[in-house]
């Protein structure tokens, strides 16, 4: 049997801190340590042969440096990553931004179930338009990533006014599930005019 995984990614969630690896008490229990991590690190009960791939061929050095000195100390960049062209329309290939605009308040139904930030969404729309005007106008050339469904919905709604938006099937299903859940909570059974709205699929 061959197991493939990454023990440096997010650990399983444990609701009780005193049972986690980060707790002095919980280190003996470590309920947030995955079976894969136990196998790789060689717990006394299980020791298996392991092999780690250390050469990456996908991301440029500016990005790989961010994880090389924090998670993957032995990570090596293949020579092909040196041939990647610089990002058009930007002075640097990677940016970090800090702002003081708070998350949206919990007035909307989506905000209760997730997080969103209108300022960040508007800024992102402007950034997407900027890159499209700088030559990234073909399908698949621009990808927008966000960890929150609420923000994904906000970005989707804003972007779809000007562009064709493609959403991963799993994310699209999660959005539909959230919308249906909110619709069912808000639906008044005594209201005869209540009806279900068919959700649109974005391609």
Protein backbone atom coordinates (compact mmCIF):
# COMPACT_ATOMS: atom_id res chain seq x y z
CA UNK A 1 0.00 0.00 0.00
CA UNK A 2 1.26 3.48 -0.93
CA UNK A 3 0.10 6.54 1.02
CA UNK A 4 0.61 10.02 -0.42
CA UNK A 5 0.08 13.17 1.60
CA UNK A 6 1.59 16.23 3.26
CA UNK A 7 1.98 16.22 7.02
CA UNK A 8 2.87 19.93 7.05
CA UNK A 9 -0.59 21.02 5.98
CA UNK A 10 -3.41 21.90 8.38
CA UNK A 11 -3.96 19.41 11.14
CA UNK A 12 -7.39 17.92 11.94
CA UNK A 13 -9.51 20.17 14.16
CA UNK A 14 -9.80 19.35 17.85
CA UNK A 15 -12.30 21.41 19.86
CA UNK A 16 -10.53 20.80 23.19
CA UNK A 17 -7.18 22.61 23.35
CA UNK A 18 -5.88 20.45 26.22
CA UNK A 19 -6.04 17.43 23.91
CA UNK A 20 -3.98 18.99 21.09
CA UNK A 21 -0.28 18.81 20.21
CA UNK A 22 0.25 22.45 21.19
CA UNK A 23 -0.84 21.86 24.77
CA UNK A 24 1.62 20.59 27.39
CA UNK A 25 -1.11 18.35 28.73
CA UNK A 26 -2.44 17.35 25.35
CA UNK A 27 0.89 16.29 23.86
CA UNK A 28 0.25 12.85 25.37
CA UNK A 29 -3.07 12.63 23.52
CA UNK A 30 -2.42 14.69 20.36
CA UNK A 31 -5.91 14.17 18.98
CA UNK A 32 -5.22 16.74 16.28
CA UNK A 33 -2.34 14.69 14.86
CA UNK A 34 -3.40 12.81 11.74
CA UNK A 35 -2.67 9.15 11.15
CA UNK A 36 -0.49 10.19 8.21
CA UNK A 37 1.64 12.43 10.44
CA UNK A 38 1.96 9.62 12.98
CA UNK A 39 3.16 7.28 10.24
CA UNK A 40 5.70 9.73 8.82
CA UNK A 41 7.11 10.88 12.16
CA UNK A 42 7.31 7.32 13.38
CA UNK A 43 5.24 6.92 16.51
CA UNK A 44 6.38 3.97 18.58
CA UNK A 45 3.40 1.90 17.51
CA UNK A 46 4.02 2.39 13.79
CA UNK A 47 7.27 2.86 11.90
CA UNK A 48 7.19 2.72 8.10
CA UNK A 49 9.61 3.51 5.32
CA UNK A 50 9.09 7.02 3.97
CA UNK A 51 10.26 9.14 1.05
CA UNK A 52 9.78 12.88 0.58
CA UNK A 53 9.74 14.70 -2.75
CA UNK A 54 11.83 17.85 -2.39
CA UNK A 55 11.94 19.32 -5.91
CA UNK A 56 9.12 21.57 -7.05
CA UNK A 57 8.46 22.67 -10.63
CA UNK A 58 5.30 24.78 -10.35
CA UNK A 59 5.93 28.05 -8.52
CA UNK A 60 8.49 30.81 -8.92
CA UNK A 61 11.24 31.33 -6.34
CA UNK A 62 9.56 34.38 -4.75
CA UNK A 63 6.67 32.16 -3.68
CA UNK A 64 8.61 29.02 -2.79
CA UNK A 65 10.83 31.09 -0.48
CA UNK A 66 7.77 31.81 1.66
CA UNK A 67 7.39 28.15 2.54
CA UNK A 68 11.01 27.06 2.25
CA UNK A 69 12.05 28.87 5.43
CA UNK A 70 8.93 28.00 7.41
CA UNK A 71 7.69 24.52 6.48
CA UNK A 72 9.85 22.85 3.84
CA UNK A 73 13.51 23.46 4.67
CA UNK A 74 14.75 20.99 2.05
CA UNK A 75 12.60 22.34 -0.78
CA UNK A 76 14.51 22.75 -4.06
CA UNK A 77 13.39 24.72 -7.12
CA UNK A 78 13.76 23.05 -10.49
CA UNK A 79 15.58 25.08 -13.15
CA UNK A 80 12.35 25.41 -15.12
CA UNK A 81 11.04 27.86 -12.50
CA UNK A 82 13.77 30.33 -13.51
CA UNK A 83 12.22 30.59 -16.98
CA UNK A 84 8.84 31.83 -15.79
CA UNK A 85 8.17 35.35 -17.16
CA UNK A 86 7.55 38.25 -14.80
CA UNK A 87 3.95 39.28 -14.17
CA UNK A 88 2.84 41.86 -16.75
CA UNK A 89 1.51 45.11 -15.35
CA UNK A 90 3.25 44.80 -11.97
CA UNK A 91 6.64 45.98 -10.70
CA UNK A 92 7.01 42.84 -8.56
CA UNK A 93 5.81 39.27 -8.92
CA UNK A 94 4.39 39.05 -5.41
CA UNK A 95 2.77 41.59 -3.08
CA UNK A 96 1.43 41.68 0.46
CA UNK A 97 -1.19 44.24 1.44
CA UNK A 98 -2.27 45.61 4.80
CA UNK A 99 -5.44 47.65 5.29
CA UNK A 100 -7.75 48.81 8.07
CA UNK A 101 -11.14 48.10 6.51
CA UNK A 102 -13.07 45.71 8.80
CA UNK A 103 -15.05 42.69 7.71
CA UNK A 104 -18.66 43.21 6.74
CA UNK A 105 -21.14 43.31 9.60
CA UNK A 106 -23.44 40.36 10.26
CA UNK A 107 -26.45 42.02 8.71
CA UNK A 108 -26.69 39.63 5.77
CA UNK A 109 -27.53 35.95 5.98
CA UNK A 110 -24.25 34.98 4.36
CA UNK A 111 -22.23 36.93 6.93
CA UNK A 112 -23.72 34.82 9.70
CA UNK A 113 -22.44 31.64 8.04
CA UNK A 114 -19.13 32.94 6.72
CA UNK A 115 -16.94 36.04 6.37
CA UNK A 116 -16.70 38.73 3.71
CA UNK A 117 -15.00 42.07 3.16
CA UNK A 118 -16.47 44.43 0.57
CA UNK A 119 -13.34 46.60 0.41
CA UNK A 120 -11.16 43.61 -0.45
CA UNK A 121 -13.66 42.37 -3.02
CA UNK A 122 -13.82 45.76 -4.77
CA UNK A 123 -10.04 46.03 -4.74
CA UNK A 124 -9.81 42.54 -6.23
CA UNK A 125 -12.21 43.41 -9.05
CA UNK A 126 -10.02 46.40 -9.92
CA UNK A 127 -6.93 44.19 -9.85
CA UNK A 128 -8.53 41.61 -12.15
CA UNK A 129 -9.51 44.35 -14.63
CA UNK A 130 -5.96 45.73 -14.47
CA UNK A 131 -4.41 42.37 -15.35
CA UNK A 132 -6.91 41.75 -18.14
CA UNK A 133 -5.95 45.10 -19.67
CA UNK A 134 -2.31 43.99 -19.43
CA UNK A 135 -2.79 40.92 -21.58
CA UNK A 136 -4.18 38.24 -19.27
CA UNK A 137 -7.43 37.94 -21.20
CA UNK A 138 -7.54 34.22 -21.97
CA UNK A 139 -9.53 31.65 -19.94
CA UNK A 140 -7.52 30.12 -17.11
CA UNK A 141 -4.88 32.87 -16.92
CA UNK A 142 -6.26 34.48 -13.76
CA UNK A 143 -7.23 32.55 -10.62
CA UNK A 144 -8.78 34.12 -7.52
CA UNK A 145 -8.50 32.19 -4.25
CA UNK A 146 -10.39 32.92 -1.03
CA UNK A 147 -10.88 30.73 2.07
CA UNK A 148 -14.40 31.97 2.89
CA UNK A 149 -17.63 31.09 1.10
CA UNK A 150 -19.12 34.46 1.99
CA UNK A 151 -16.25 36.24 0.26
CA UNK A 152 -16.44 33.85 -2.69
CA UNK A 153 -20.12 34.69 -3.18
CA UNK A 154 -19.40 38.43 -3.00
CA UNK A 155 -16.53 38.18 -5.49
CA UNK A 156 -18.57 35.96 -7.82
CA UNK A 157 -21.48 38.40 -7.85
CA UNK A 158 -19.22 41.39 -8.53
CA UNK A 159 -17.08 39.71 -11.18
CA UNK A 160 -20.02 38.16 -13.04
CA UNK A 161 -21.28 41.65 -13.90
CA UNK A 162 -18.30 42.10 -16.23
CA UNK A 163 -16.72 38.69 -16.83
CA UNK A 164 -17.48 35.01 -17.22
CA UNK A 165 -16.77 33.40 -13.85
CA UNK A 166 -15.73 29.77 -13.46
CA UNK A 167 -16.12 28.28 -9.99
CA UNK A 168 -14.82 24.90 -8.86
CA UNK A 169 -17.62 22.32 -8.72
CA UNK A 170 -17.07 21.64 -5.03
CA UNK A 171 -17.18 25.33 -4.14
CA UNK A 172 -20.25 25.80 -6.33
CA UNK A 173 -21.99 22.97 -4.49
CA UNK A 174 -21.06 24.46 -1.10
CA UNK A 175 -22.48 27.82 -2.21
CA UNK A 176 -25.71 26.19 -3.37
CA UNK A 177 -26.00 24.29 -0.08
CA UNK A 178 -25.50 27.51 1.90
CA UNK A 179 -28.03 29.42 -0.21
CA UNK A 180 -30.61 26.63 0.08
CA UNK A 181 -30.08 26.43 3.83
CA UNK A 182 -30.60 30.17 4.21
CA UNK A 183 -33.64 30.10 1.89
CA UNK A 184 -35.24 27.33 3.95
CA UNK A 185 -34.61 29.23 7.19
CA UNK A 186 -36.10 32.44 5.80
CA UNK A 187 -39.05 30.83 4.03
CA UNK A 188 -42.39 31.49 5.70
CA UNK A 189 -44.56 28.33 5.51
CA UNK A 190 -47.71 30.46 5.86
CA UNK A 191 -46.82 32.61 2.86
CA UNK A 192 -48.63 31.20 -0.17
CA UNK A 193 -46.51 33.29 -2.51
CA UNK A 194 -43.29 31.65 -1.36
CA UNK A 195 -41.50 29.76 -4.12
CA UNK A 196 -38.13 28.20 -4.75
CA UNK A 197 -35.61 29.92 -6.98
CA UNK A 198 -33.55 27.78 -9.29
CA UNK A 199 -29.86 28.45 -8.74
CA UNK A 200 -27.75 29.45 -11.72
CA UNK A 201 -24.64 27.52 -12.61
CA UNK A 202 -21.58 29.54 -13.56
CA UNK A 203 -19.42 28.27 -16.38
